[in-house]
Amino acid sequence: MFKEKLNYLRQSLFIRNVATLQVGSFGGTLVQAVFGILIARLLQPELFGVYSLSIGLASLAGLLLGAGMQDAVGTLVGSAYVKNNREELQDVLAFLLKITFYAGLLTLIIFFFLPSLAEYFYGNSLIGWYAGIVILGVFFSSSFNAVVQLSLQVAGKIKSLALFVFGDQFLRSGLSLLFIFVGFGVLGGVSGQLIGAIAVFIFSILMWGRLRQAYSIFPSLKELFYRTKKVSIFKYFSFSFWVAVDRNMGNLYMVLPIVLTGIYVSTGEVSFFKLAFGYLNIVLSLLGPISTLLNMEFPKIQVEDSGKLRSSFIRISLLGLFISLILTFGAIFISPWAFRILYGESFLPSVSYIFGLMAYGALFGIGVGLGPMWRAINKVKVSITINLIILGAGIPLGLWLIKSYGLWGSVIMVTLWFTISHLASFLYLVKSLNKRP
């Protein structure tokens, strides 16, 4: 039986795709982590705290440009491709471009307020200017790149997708490190993000030409931009908006802890929490490809055999929990040596906060299938409601915890937010799926 199970896993297309995307994602994450370590060592705690707050503020202000809309239209792109409906595929991809453009315009308006906000909350307007440069990079990295990544996924070009994701992370992080190394400081770090994003944007356009030569169902750039002018912004808005909001809730949970922590503690202390939180999240990001591929796997199970949807969801969630337990305890065990060797003595205070985040990391994996399942059964609004309630109560509580207990307040806040959100959503879905025919 064990041998048969191994043969099934080896032959399963889904498992092979997960493994391939996992390699690309892990490679990119590893490179990002190595470059991040070198950036931290070059900048040291005070300036690295400024860099971290700039990235965090940019991520918060650029939520409209995040991966939410890409995930939202992923199901529509997959459906049109399977049906070989070229007209529908053009409309969906054109809609994605158009909504990203409008989101970019709104984000640029926010850009002009960032220096004032940074001055008010952190007493340093430069953090806002740095964040604005990062936002420009986010605009480039989330525009046409999203179209290429979705198209590669539905066409089954998972190896190319993995290389594309790896290259994006390598170039942006590598240029940030290079500019900091030659002496441009935090400004060089955020400028590297922008220049790297522009380079990947240009490459994605070139890649689109090759993809279209291999798969005629995809439109030319001329056809795509022409269709962008014609497609209505409301055609898929009602479906995609709630999915995008739900996806960005996850981004918000990742960004807010750093942004809120900087309000009450020094930039040097922000570095310690940022590295502890980021260290565990880098390890837990190995769960990401599973969640990405479930966006198409759960809808497929629902169509082919809806009776297996609940059991598949529970099995995958428990598997995710088991993986996160292993990853977290392994990461915590080596953290004292890892931080001493990689970051140096000046960042060793981060290690105690890694141990404090043990419960957060260990329980994180139960949420691996939540987003895909909410979208599969069309109950995204319930997910948004759950998370809005948790954040509505959690943000004031978190600010009080940080003000009262400093970085340990941030640790408690993060653990409560994620654990309550994941468990509440998991229990609701299990109960809801039990009632489905």
Protein backbone atom coordinates (compact mmCIF):
# COMPACT_ATOMS: atom_id res chain seq x y z
CA MET A 1 0.00 0.00 0.00
CA PHE A 2 2.84 2.35 0.83
CA LYS A 3 4.47 1.67 -2.54
CA GLU A 4 1.19 2.28 -4.34
CA LYS A 5 0.78 5.56 -2.48
CA LEU A 6 4.26 6.67 -3.53
CA ASN A 7 3.52 5.78 -7.15
CA TYR A 8 0.27 7.77 -6.98
CA LEU A 9 2.05 10.81 -5.58
CA ARG A 10 4.77 10.54 -8.22
CA GLN A 11 2.28 10.23 -11.08
CA SER A 12 -0.23 12.84 -9.85
CA LEU A 13 -0.10 15.94 -12.04
CA PHE A 14 -1.20 18.15 -9.15
CA ILE A 15 1.58 16.82 -6.90
CA ARG A 16 4.18 17.28 -9.65
CA ASN A 17 3.02 20.84 -10.26
CA VAL A 18 3.14 21.60 -6.53
CA ALA A 19 6.68 20.23 -6.37
CA THR A 20 7.82 22.24 -9.41
CA LEU A 21 6.27 25.49 -8.21
CA GLN A 22 7.61 24.72 -4.74
CA VAL A 23 11.15 24.57 -6.09
CA GLY A 24 10.80 27.93 -7.84
CA SER A 25 9.11 29.53 -4.87
CA PHE A 26 11.64 28.12 -2.44
CA GLY A 27 14.52 29.22 -4.64
CA GLY A 28 13.15 32.74 -4.82
CA THR A 29 12.44 32.80 -1.11
CA LEU A 30 15.94 31.50 -0.34
CA VAL A 31 17.57 34.14 -2.54
CA GLN A 32 15.35 36.82 -1.01
CA ALA A 33 16.29 35.63 2.46
CA VAL A 34 20.02 35.61 1.71
CA PHE A 35 19.88 39.07 0.16
CA GLY A 36 17.73 40.24 3.08
CA ILE A 37 20.36 39.01 5.54
CA LEU A 38 23.09 40.92 3.71
CA ILE A 39 20.91 44.04 3.53
CA ALA A 40 20.28 43.85 7.28
CA ARG A 41 24.00 43.46 8.01
CA LEU A 42 24.87 46.41 5.78
CA LEU A 43 22.21 48.73 7.15
CA GLN A 44 22.34 47.58 10.81
CA PRO A 45 19.28 47.78 13.14
CA GLU A 46 18.48 51.51 12.95
CA LEU A 47 18.54 51.94 9.15
CA PHE A 48 17.13 48.46 8.57
CA GLY A 49 14.17 49.50 10.72
CA VAL A 50 13.64 52.51 8.44
CA TYR A 51 13.88 50.21 5.40
CA SER A 52 11.39 47.74 6.93
CA LEU A 53 8.88 50.47 7.80
CA SER A 54 9.17 51.86 4.26
CA ILE A 55 8.43 48.46 2.73
CA GLY A 56 5.59 47.88 5.21
CA LEU A 57 3.98 51.27 4.59
CA ALA A 58 4.27 50.75 0.83
CA SER A 59 2.64 47.32 1.12
CA LEU A 60 -0.22 48.82 3.12
CA ALA A 61 -0.74 51.73 0.73
CA GLY A 62 -0.40 49.44 -2.29
CA LEU A 63 -2.95 46.84 -1.26
CA LEU A 64 -5.09 47.77 -4.26
CA LEU A 65 -2.19 46.68 -6.46
CA GLY A 66 -1.60 43.41 -4.62
CA ALA A 67 -2.19 39.88 -5.80
CA GLY A 68 -5.87 39.98 -4.90
CA MET A 69 -7.25 40.73 -8.34
CA GLN A 70 -4.91 38.21 -9.96
CA ASP A 71 -6.29 35.46 -7.73
CA ALA A 72 -9.82 36.73 -8.32
CA VAL A 73 -9.73 36.32 -12.10
CA GLY A 74 -7.67 33.11 -11.96
CA THR A 75 -10.78 30.96 -11.92
CA LEU A 76 -12.26 32.89 -14.87
CA VAL A 77 -9.06 32.54 -16.90
CA GLY A 78 -8.89 28.81 -16.18
CA SER A 79 -12.53 28.31 -17.17
CA ALA A 80 -12.16 30.20 -20.46
CA TYR A 81 -8.97 28.31 -21.32
CA VAL A 82 -10.50 24.87 -20.65
CA LYS A 83 -13.52 25.77 -22.79
CA ASN A 84 -11.16 27.05 -25.52
CA ASN A 85 -13.18 30.30 -25.50
CA ARG A 86 -10.76 32.83 -26.97
CA GLU A 87 -13.19 35.75 -26.76
CA GLU A 88 -13.86 35.16 -23.07
CA LEU A 89 -10.16 34.72 -22.33
CA GLN A 90 -9.37 38.04 -24.01
CA ASP A 91 -12.07 39.80 -22.02
CA VAL A 92 -10.88 38.42 -18.69
CA LEU A 93 -7.22 39.30 -19.32
CA ALA A 94 -8.20 42.74 -20.60
CA PHE A 95 -10.33 43.27 -17.50
CA LEU A 96 -7.34 42.40 -15.30
CA LEU A 97 -5.19 44.98 -17.08
CA LYS A 98 -7.87 47.62 -16.88
CA ILE A 99 -8.65 47.14 -13.18
CA THR A 100 -4.92 47.18 -12.39
CA PHE A 101 -4.54 50.49 -14.24
CA TYR A 102 -7.38 52.11 -12.28
CA ALA A 103 -6.03 50.70 -9.03
CA GLY A 104 -2.68 52.23 -9.94
CA LEU A 105 -4.23 55.66 -10.41
CA LEU A 106 -5.87 55.46 -6.98
CA THR A 107 -2.61 54.33 -5.42
CA LEU A 108 -0.74 57.26 -6.96
CA ILE A 109 -3.15 59.60 -5.19
CA ILE A 110 -2.30 57.90 -1.89
CA PHE A 111 1.40 58.30 -2.79
CA PHE A 112 1.28 62.08 -2.19
CA PHE A 113 0.01 61.64 1.37
CA LEU A 114 2.62 59.10 2.48
CA PRO A 115 5.32 61.57 3.64
CA SER A 116 2.82 63.37 5.86
CA LEU A 117 1.53 60.10 7.29
CA ALA A 118 5.07 58.89 7.98
CA GLU A 119 5.91 62.16 9.71
CA TYR A 120 2.79 61.91 11.88
CA PHE A 121 3.15 58.26 12.95
CA TYR A 122 6.93 57.77 12.86
CA GLY A 123 8.34 61.29 13.04
CA ASN A 124 10.26 60.73 9.79
CA SER A 125 8.79 61.88 6.46
CA LEU A 126 11.62 60.14 4.53
CA ILE A 127 9.94 56.80 5.33
CA GLY A 128 6.95 58.01 3.30
CA TRP A 129 9.10 59.04 0.33
CA TYR A 130 10.91 55.72 0.36
CA ALA A 131 7.54 53.93 0.52
CA GLY A 132 6.39 55.89 -2.54
CA ILE A 133 9.33 54.61 -4.60
CA VAL A 134 8.46 51.04 -3.60
CA ILE A 135 4.82 51.60 -4.60
CA LEU A 136 5.91 52.59 -8.11
CA GLY A 137 7.76 49.29 -8.27
CA VAL A 138 4.68 47.41 -7.10
CA PHE A 139 2.68 49.04 -9.90
CA PHE A 140 5.07 47.67 -12.54
CA SER A 141 5.39 44.24 -10.91
CA SER A 142 1.63 43.73 -10.65
CA SER A 143 0.48 44.96 -14.06
CA PHE A 144 1.40 42.86 -17.10
CA ASN A 145 3.33 40.37 -14.96
CA ALA A 146 0.03 39.17 -13.51
CA VAL A 147 -1.33 38.44 -17.00
CA VAL A 148 1.76 36.41 -17.91
CA GLN A 149 1.77 34.41 -14.66
CA LEU A 150 -1.91 33.47 -14.97
CA SER A 151 -1.48 32.47 -18.59
CA LEU A 152 1.54 30.30 -17.81
CA GLN A 153 -0.42 28.58 -15.06
CA VAL A 154 -3.50 27.73 -17.13
CA ALA A 155 -1.33 26.61 -20.06
CA GLY A 156 0.40 24.14 -17.74
CA LYS A 157 3.82 25.82 -18.11
CA ILE A 158 4.56 25.40 -14.42
CA LYS A 159 8.35 25.22 -14.90
CA SER A 160 8.33 28.53 -16.76
CA LEU A 161 6.08 30.01 -14.07
CA ALA A 162 8.47 28.84 -11.35
CA LEU A 163 11.43 30.40 -13.18
CA PHE A 164 9.50 33.62 -13.72
CA VAL A 165 8.64 33.92 -10.01
CA PHE A 166 12.24 33.13 -9.06
CA GLY A 167 13.65 35.67 -11.51
CA ASP A 168 11.34 38.40 -10.28
CA GLN A 169 12.41 37.95 -6.66
CA PHE A 170 16.08 37.53 -7.56
CA LEU A 171 16.30 40.68 -9.66
CA ARG A 172 14.44 43.03 -7.32
CA SER A 173 16.20 41.82 -4.16
CA GLY A 174 19.57 41.61 -5.91
CA LEU A 175 19.45 45.18 -7.19
CA SER A 176 18.38 46.43 -3.74
CA LEU A 177 21.42 44.73 -2.21
CA LEU A 178 23.73 46.04 -4.93
CA PHE A 179 22.68 49.67 -4.49
CA ILE A 180 22.96 49.44 -0.71
CA PHE A 181 26.38 47.81 -1.02
CA VAL A 182 27.77 50.63 -3.20
CA GLY A 183 26.68 53.14 -0.57
CA PHE A 184 23.22 54.46 -1.46
CA GLY A 185 21.69 53.28 1.83
CA VAL A 186 17.93 52.96 2.25
CA LEU A 187 17.32 55.04 -0.88
CA GLY A 188 19.37 52.53 -2.88
CA GLY A 189 17.40 49.64 -1.39
CA VAL A 190 14.00 50.98 -2.41
CA SER A 191 15.31 52.17 -5.81
CA GLY A 192 16.54 48.65 -6.51
CA GLN A 193 12.98 47.40 -5.98
CA LEU A 194 11.71 49.90 -8.57
CA ILE A 195 14.37 49.26 -11.22
CA GLY A 196 14.08 45.49 -10.79
CA ALA A 197 10.30 45.68 -11.20
CA ILE A 198 10.65 47.70 -14.42
CA ALA A 199 13.13 45.15 -15.81
CA VAL A 200 10.77 42.25 -15.03
CA PHE A 201 7.89 44.19 -16.63
CA ILE A 202 9.87 44.48 -19.88
CA PHE A 203 10.82 40.81 -19.75
CA SER A 204 7.19 39.78 -19.21
CA ILE A 205 6.20 41.56 -22.42
CA LEU A 206 8.90 39.63 -24.31
CA MET A 207 7.76 36.37 -22.69
CA TRP A 208 4.19 37.04 -23.78
CA GLY A 209 5.29 36.98 -27.41
CA ARG A 210 6.82 33.52 -26.98
CA LEU A 211 3.80 32.23 -25.09
CA ARG A 212 1.45 33.43 -27.80
CA GLN A 213 3.51 31.68 -30.49
CA ALA A 214 3.08 28.37 -28.66
CA TYR A 215 -0.61 28.87 -27.75
CA SER A 216 -2.71 30.71 -30.31
CA ILE A 217 -5.62 31.05 -27.88
CA PHE A 218 -3.81 33.95 -26.23
CA PRO A 219 -4.26 37.35 -27.91
CA SER A 220 -1.49 39.54 -29.30
CA LEU A 221 -0.50 42.66 -27.37
CA LYS A 222 -2.35 44.78 -29.91
CA GLU A 223 -5.52 42.68 -29.52
CA LEU A 224 -5.20 42.70 -25.75
CA PHE A 225 -4.81 46.46 -25.41
CA TYR A 226 -7.61 47.06 -27.90
CA ARG A 227 -9.87 44.78 -25.87
CA THR A 228 -8.82 46.63 -22.69
CA LYS A 229 -10.38 49.79 -24.07
CA LYS A 230 -13.63 48.00 -24.92
CA VAL A 231 -14.23 45.70 -21.95
CA SER A 232 -16.53 47.06 -19.26
CA ILE A 233 -15.02 47.58 -15.82
CA PHE A 234 -18.21 46.11 -14.36
CA LYS A 235 -18.28 42.90 -16.43
CA TYR A 236 -16.46 40.79 -13.82
CA PHE A 237 -16.29 43.32 -11.02
CA SER A 238 -19.02 41.86 -8.81
CA PHE A 239 -17.31 38.45 -8.83
CA SER A 240 -13.69 39.57 -8.61
CA PHE A 241 -14.02 42.46 -6.15
CA TRP A 242 -14.94 40.33 -3.13
CA VAL A 243 -12.31 37.72 -3.96
CA ALA A 244 -9.67 40.47 -4.24
CA VAL A 245 -10.73 41.98 -0.92
CA ASP A 246 -10.53 38.58 0.73
CA ARG A 247 -7.07 37.91 -0.73
CA ASN A 248 -5.82 41.30 0.40
CA MET A 249 -7.07 40.58 3.90
CA GLY A 250 -4.23 38.07 4.10
CA ASN A 251 -1.76 40.72 2.92
CA LEU A 252 -3.15 43.13 5.49
CA TYR A 253 -2.54 40.62 8.27
CA MET A 254 1.12 40.38 7.18
CA VAL A 255 1.73 44.11 6.77
CA LEU A 256 -0.08 45.65 9.74
CA PRO A 257 2.06 44.11 12.52
CA ILE A 258 5.20 45.90 11.27
CA VAL A 259 3.41 49.17 10.53
CA LEU A 260 1.67 49.25 13.93
CA THR A 261 4.80 48.23 15.83
CA GLY A 262 6.71 51.25 14.48
CA ILE A 263 4.21 53.65 16.07
CA TYR A 264 5.32 52.91 19.65
CA VAL A 265 8.87 51.52 19.40
CA SER A 266 12.12 52.75 17.86
CA THR A 267 13.18 51.81 14.34
CA GLY A 268 15.98 49.68 15.80
CA GLU A 269 13.46 47.62 17.78
CA VAL A 270 11.25 47.33 14.70
CA SER A 271 14.19 45.52 13.08
CA PHE A 272 14.19 42.86 15.79
CA PHE A 273 10.48 42.09 15.40
CA LYS A 274 10.62 42.37 11.61
CA LEU A 275 13.40 39.78 11.41
CA ALA A 276 11.73 37.39 13.87
CA PHE A 277 8.36 37.63 12.09
CA GLY A 278 9.97 37.49 8.65
CA TYR A 279 12.20 34.55 9.57
CA LEU A 280 9.22 32.33 10.40
CA ASN A 281 7.21 33.62 7.44
CA ILE A 282 10.03 32.73 5.04
CA VAL A 283 9.91 29.16 6.30
CA LEU A 284 6.10 29.05 6.23
CA SER A 285 6.06 30.43 2.68
CA LEU A 286 6.85 26.87 1.57
CA LEU A 287 3.10 26.29 2.00
CA GLY A 288 2.35 28.98 -0.59
CA PRO A 289 2.47 26.88 -3.80
CA ILE A 290 -0.02 24.42 -2.29
CA SER A 291 -2.49 27.23 -1.70
CA THR A 292 -1.90 28.65 -5.19
CA LEU A 293 -2.67 25.37 -6.95
CA LEU A 294 -5.70 24.72 -4.74
CA ASN A 295 -7.32 27.77 -6.37
CA MET A 296 -7.98 25.53 -9.37
CA GLU A 297 -8.01 22.11 -7.64
CA PHE A 298 -10.97 22.75 -5.30
CA PRO A 299 -13.29 24.01 -8.09
CA LYS A 300 -12.30 20.93 -10.11
CA ILE A 301 -13.18 18.57 -7.21
CA GLN A 302 -16.47 20.40 -6.73
CA VAL A 303 -17.44 19.77 -10.36
CA GLU A 304 -16.22 16.17 -10.59
CA ASP A 305 -17.27 14.88 -7.14
CA SER A 306 -18.64 17.47 -4.72
CA GLY A 307 -19.05 14.79 -2.04
CA LYS A 308 -15.26 14.65 -1.64
CA LEU A 309 -14.89 18.40 -1.17
CA ARG A 310 -15.23 18.38 2.63
CA SER A 311 -12.91 15.43 3.20
CA SER A 312 -10.33 16.86 0.78
CA PHE A 313 -10.43 20.21 2.55
CA ILE A 314 -9.98 18.66 6.01
CA ARG A 315 -7.20 16.37 4.81
CA ILE A 316 -5.27 19.19 3.15
CA SER A 317 -5.77 21.51 6.15
CA LEU A 318 -4.45 18.88 8.58
CA LEU A 319 -1.55 18.19 6.24
CA GLY A 320 -0.79 21.92 6.20
CA LEU A 321 -0.94 22.00 10.00
CA PHE A 322 1.49 19.08 10.24
CA ILE A 323 3.90 20.71 7.78
CA SER A 324 3.80 24.05 9.62
CA LEU A 325 4.50 22.29 12.92
CA ILE A 326 7.60 20.61 11.48
CA LEU A 327 8.79 23.77 9.73
CA THR A 328 8.25 25.96 12.80
CA PHE A 329 9.99 23.73 15.32
CA GLY A 330 12.88 23.16 12.93
CA ALA A 331 13.26 26.90 12.33
CA ILE A 332 13.09 27.71 16.05
CA PHE A 333 15.61 25.02 16.94
CA ILE A 334 18.30 26.41 14.64
CA SER A 335 17.46 30.11 15.14
CA PRO A 336 20.09 30.93 17.82
CA TRP A 337 22.91 29.62 15.62
CA ALA A 338 21.35 30.93 12.41
CA PHE A 339 21.03 34.50 13.69
CA ARG A 340 24.49 34.57 15.23
CA ILE A 341 26.11 33.32 12.02
CA LEU A 342 23.92 35.10 9.47
CA TYR A 343 22.96 38.41 11.05
CA GLY A 344 25.65 38.89 13.67
CA GLU A 345 25.60 39.88 17.34
CA SER A 346 23.67 43.10 16.79
CA PHE A 347 20.50 41.23 15.74
CA LEU A 348 20.53 38.47 18.38
CA PRO A 349 17.65 40.07 20.38
CA SER A 350 15.36 38.84 17.55
CA VAL A 351 15.83 35.21 18.63
CA SER A 352 13.72 35.53 21.80
CA TYR A 353 10.81 36.83 19.74
CA ILE A 354 11.10 33.87 17.36
CA PHE A 355 10.51 31.57 20.33
CA GLY A 356 7.56 33.77 21.30
CA LEU A 357 6.03 33.28 17.84
CA MET A 358 6.07 29.48 18.21
CA ALA A 359 2.29 29.12 18.52
CA TYR A 360 1.73 31.44 15.56
CA GLY A 361 3.97 29.39 13.27
CA ALA A 362 2.85 25.96 14.48
CA LEU A 363 -0.85 26.67 13.86
CA PHE A 364 -0.40 28.67 10.66
CA GLY A 365 -0.65 25.70 8.30
CA ILE A 366 -4.32 24.98 9.04
CA GLY A 367 -5.13 27.99 6.87
CA VAL A 368 -3.45 26.65 3.71
CA GLY A 369 -6.77 25.83 2.02
CA LEU A 370 -9.01 28.55 3.44
CA GLY A 371 -8.76 31.12 0.65
CA PRO A 372 -9.20 28.63 -2.22
CA MET A 373 -12.18 27.00 -0.46
CA TRP A 374 -13.94 30.30 0.25
CA ARG A 375 -13.67 31.08 -3.45
CA ALA A 376 -14.67 27.57 -4.57
CA ILE A 377 -17.98 27.62 -2.67
CA ASN A 378 -18.59 31.33 -3.33
CA LYS A 379 -18.65 32.43 0.31
CA VAL A 380 -15.90 35.02 0.17
CA LYS A 381 -18.09 37.61 1.88
CA VAL A 382 -18.27 35.41 4.98
CA SER A 383 -14.47 35.29 5.09
CA ILE A 384 -14.25 39.06 4.78
CA THR A 385 -16.80 39.50 7.58
CA ILE A 386 -14.87 37.18 9.90
CA ASN A 387 -11.61 39.00 9.26
CA LEU A 388 -13.12 42.48 9.55
CA ILE A 389 -14.53 41.56 12.97
CA ILE A 390 -11.15 40.20 14.09
CA LEU A 391 -9.26 43.25 12.82
CA GLY A 392 -11.89 45.63 14.17
CA ALA A 393 -11.28 44.27 17.65
CA GLY A 394 -7.66 43.25 17.07
CA ILE A 395 -6.14 46.56 15.92
CA PRO A 396 -7.13 48.57 19.05
CA LEU A 397 -6.13 45.60 21.22
CA GLY A 398 -2.85 45.29 19.32
CA LEU A 399 -2.00 48.97 19.73
CA TRP A 400 -2.65 48.70 23.48
CA LEU A 401 -0.49 45.57 23.69
CA ILE A 402 2.40 47.22 21.82
CA LYS A 403 2.14 50.40 23.88
CA SER A 404 2.05 48.38 27.12
CA TYR A 405 4.50 45.56 26.37
CA GLY A 406 6.57 46.73 23.41
CA LEU A 407 7.68 43.99 21.00
CA TRP A 408 6.16 41.26 23.18
CA GLY A 409 2.84 43.00 22.61
CA SER A 410 3.44 42.62 18.86
CA VAL A 411 4.13 38.91 19.34
CA ILE A 412 0.90 38.41 21.29
CA MET A 413 -1.07 40.47 18.77
CA VAL A 414 0.16 38.46 15.75
CA THR A 415 -0.51 35.13 17.47
CA LEU A 416 -4.06 36.10 18.43
CA TRP A 417 -4.93 37.55 15.02
CA PHE A 418 -3.85 34.60 12.91
CA THR A 419 -4.89 31.82 15.26
CA ILE A 420 -8.41 33.13 15.86
CA SER A 421 -8.92 33.95 12.17
CA HIS A 422 -7.75 30.56 10.91
CA LEU A 423 -9.62 28.50 13.48
CA ALA A 424 -12.87 30.46 13.08
CA SER A 425 -12.74 30.14 9.28
CA PHE A 426 -11.77 26.46 9.38
CA LEU A 427 -14.61 25.51 11.74
CA TYR A 428 -17.15 27.52 9.74
CA LEU A 429 -16.12 25.86 6.47
CA VAL A 430 -16.16 22.34 7.93
CA LYS A 431 -19.68 22.94 9.22
CA SER A 432 -20.81 24.57 5.98
CA LEU A 433 -19.39 21.83 3.75
CA ASN A 434 -21.11 19.20 5.89
CA LYS A 435 -24.47 20.64 4.89
CA ARG A 436 -23.73 20.63 1.16
CA PRO A 437 -25.15 17.84 -1.01
